[in-house]
Amino acid sequence: MSLYEALKAFPNWAKLTESTWAIVSGFNCVEIRDYLMKFIDPNDRIIVIQSGQHAAWNRIIANNQWAIDNLVL
C-alpha cells in the first residue's frame, strides 16, 4: 500500500495542498504517525498535528465546504 492509499483508507480525509493532508480520526497523533510511518521512505518526513478549533486558508485543493465542516469547530 502506498502512503496516499494509507491516507485515503481513513474514512474522512482531504488533500489540502500538494503535500498536506487532513484526516478526521478517533486515533491520536502518535497512533496516526506510527501507522503512516509504515508507508514512507526512510528519507521522507512526516508531522501529525491535532487540529480542529481555528483555521484559515487560501486556494486549497480540497473542497472548501469539507474544510469548513472538518477543520473549524
C-alpha atoms as a PDB file:
ATOM      1  CA  MET A   1       0.000   0.000   0.000  1.00  0.00           C
ATOM      2  CA  SER A   2       1.301   3.486  -0.824  1.00  0.00           C
ATOM      3  CA  LEU A   3       1.231   6.449   1.561  1.00  0.00           C
ATOM      4  CA  TYR A   4      -1.587   8.019  -0.457  1.00  0.00           C
ATOM      5  CA  GLU A   5      -3.589   4.798  -0.246  1.00  0.00           C
ATOM      6  CA  ALA A   6      -2.963   4.654   3.512  1.00  0.00           C
ATOM      7  CA  LEU A   7      -4.192   8.232   3.931  1.00  0.00           C
ATOM      8  CA  LYS A   8      -7.252   7.529   1.792  1.00  0.00           C
ATOM      9  CA  ALA A   9      -8.002   4.462   3.935  1.00  0.00           C
ATOM     10  CA  PHE A  10      -9.186   6.797   6.696  1.00  0.00           C
ATOM     11  CA  PRO A  11     -12.947   7.325   6.383  1.00  0.00           C
ATOM     12  CA  ASN A  12     -12.751  11.133   6.296  1.00  0.00           C
ATOM     13  CA  TRP A  13      -9.784  12.780   4.556  1.00  0.00           C
ATOM     14  CA  ALA A  14      -8.872  15.595   2.167  1.00  0.00           C
ATOM     15  CA  LYS A  15      -5.756  16.622   0.303  1.00  0.00           C
ATOM     16  CA  LEU A  16      -5.204  20.275   1.215  1.00  0.00           C
ATOM     17  CA  THR A  17      -2.049  21.065  -0.788  1.00  0.00           C
ATOM     18  CA  GLU A  18       0.366  19.009  -2.851  1.00  0.00           C
ATOM     19  CA  SER A  19       1.996  17.617   0.308  1.00  0.00           C
ATOM     20  CA  THR A  20      -0.525  18.386   3.063  1.00  0.00           C
ATOM     21  CA  TRP A  21      -3.395  16.129   4.014  1.00  0.00           C
ATOM     22  CA  ALA A  22      -6.121  16.388   6.648  1.00  0.00           C
ATOM     23  CA  ILE A  23      -7.818  13.393   8.176  1.00  0.00           C
ATOM     24  CA  VAL A  24     -10.565  13.182  10.751  1.00  0.00           C
ATOM     25  CA  SER A  25      -9.975  10.244  13.052  1.00  0.00           C
ATOM     26  CA  GLY A  26     -10.530   8.942  16.557  1.00  0.00           C
ATOM     27  CA  PHE A  27      -6.860   7.941  16.696  1.00  0.00           C
ATOM     28  CA  ASN A  28      -4.342  10.167  18.475  1.00  0.00           C
ATOM     29  CA  CYS A  29      -1.348  11.823  16.797  1.00  0.00           C
ATOM     30  CA  VAL A  30       1.145   9.150  17.840  1.00  0.00           C
ATOM     31  CA  GLU A  31      -1.078   6.331  16.575  1.00  0.00           C
ATOM     32  CA  ILE A  32      -1.562   8.038  13.224  1.00  0.00           C
ATOM     33  CA  ARG A  33       2.150   8.829  12.874  1.00  0.00           C
ATOM     34  CA  ASP A  34       3.158   5.274  13.723  1.00  0.00           C
ATOM     35  CA  TYR A  35       0.643   3.861  11.238  1.00  0.00           C
ATOM     36  CA  LEU A  36       1.763   6.162   8.413  1.00  0.00           C
ATOM     37  CA  MET A  37       5.476   5.534   9.090  1.00  0.00           C
ATOM     38  CA  LYS A  38       4.963   2.086   7.559  1.00  0.00           C
ATOM     39  CA  PHE A  39       4.292   3.729   4.193  1.00  0.00           C
ATOM     40  CA  ILE A  40       7.015   6.380   3.862  1.00  0.00           C
ATOM     41  CA  ASP A  41      10.573   6.120   2.584  1.00  0.00           C
ATOM     42  CA  PRO A  42      13.411   6.328   5.145  1.00  0.00           C
ATOM     43  CA  ASN A  43      14.388   9.794   3.861  1.00  0.00           C
ATOM     44  CA  ASP A  44      10.830  11.201   4.000  1.00  0.00           C
ATOM     45  CA  ARG A  45       9.439  13.338   6.803  1.00  0.00           C
ATOM     46  CA  ILE A  46       6.030  13.349   8.450  1.00  0.00           C
ATOM     47  CA  ILE A  47       4.296  15.500  11.024  1.00  0.00           C
ATOM     48  CA  VAL A  48       0.906  14.812  12.575  1.00  0.00           C
ATOM     49  CA  ILE A  49      -0.814  17.733  14.280  1.00  0.00           C
ATOM     50  CA  GLN A  50      -4.089  17.708  16.150  1.00  0.00           C
ATOM     51  CA  SER A  51      -6.305  20.481  14.847  1.00  0.00           C
ATOM     52  CA  GLY A  52      -9.902  21.496  14.952  1.00  0.00           C
ATOM     53  CA  GLN A  53     -10.515  24.863  16.553  1.00  0.00           C
ATOM     54  CA  HIS A  54      -9.355  27.556  14.179  1.00  0.00           C
ATOM     55  CA  ALA A  55      -8.257  27.503  10.574  1.00  0.00           C
ATOM     56  CA  ALA A  56      -7.787  29.903   7.683  1.00  0.00           C
ATOM     57  CA  TRP A  57      -6.754  29.024   4.150  1.00  0.00           C
ATOM     58  CA  ASN A  58      -6.451  30.170   0.587  1.00  0.00           C
ATOM     59  CA  ARG A  59      -6.634  28.087  -2.588  1.00  0.00           C
ATOM     60  CA  ILE A  60      -6.600  24.629  -1.031  1.00  0.00           C
ATOM     61  CA  ILE A  61      -7.093  21.626  -3.252  1.00  0.00           C
ATOM     62  CA  ALA A  62      -9.811  20.161  -1.019  1.00  0.00           C
ATOM     63  CA  ASN A  63     -13.434  21.120  -1.327  1.00  0.00           C
ATOM     64  CA  ASN A  64     -13.939  24.357   0.614  1.00  0.00           C
ATOM     65  CA  GLN A  65     -17.057  23.025   2.361  1.00  0.00           C
ATOM     66  CA  TRP A  66     -15.133  19.919   3.524  1.00  0.00           C
ATOM     67  CA  ALA A  67     -12.573  22.235   5.154  1.00  0.00           C
ATOM     68  CA  ILE A  68     -15.278  24.305   6.844  1.00  0.00           C
ATOM     69  CA  ASP A  69     -17.052  21.187   8.099  1.00  0.00           C
ATOM     70  CA  ASN A  70     -13.931  19.386   9.304  1.00  0.00           C
ATOM     71  CA  LEU A  71     -11.235  21.915  10.211  1.00  0.00           C
ATOM     72  CA  VAL A  72     -13.223  24.529  12.128  1.00  0.00           C
ATOM     73  CA  LEU A  73     -15.351  23.865  15.210  1.00  0.00           C
END
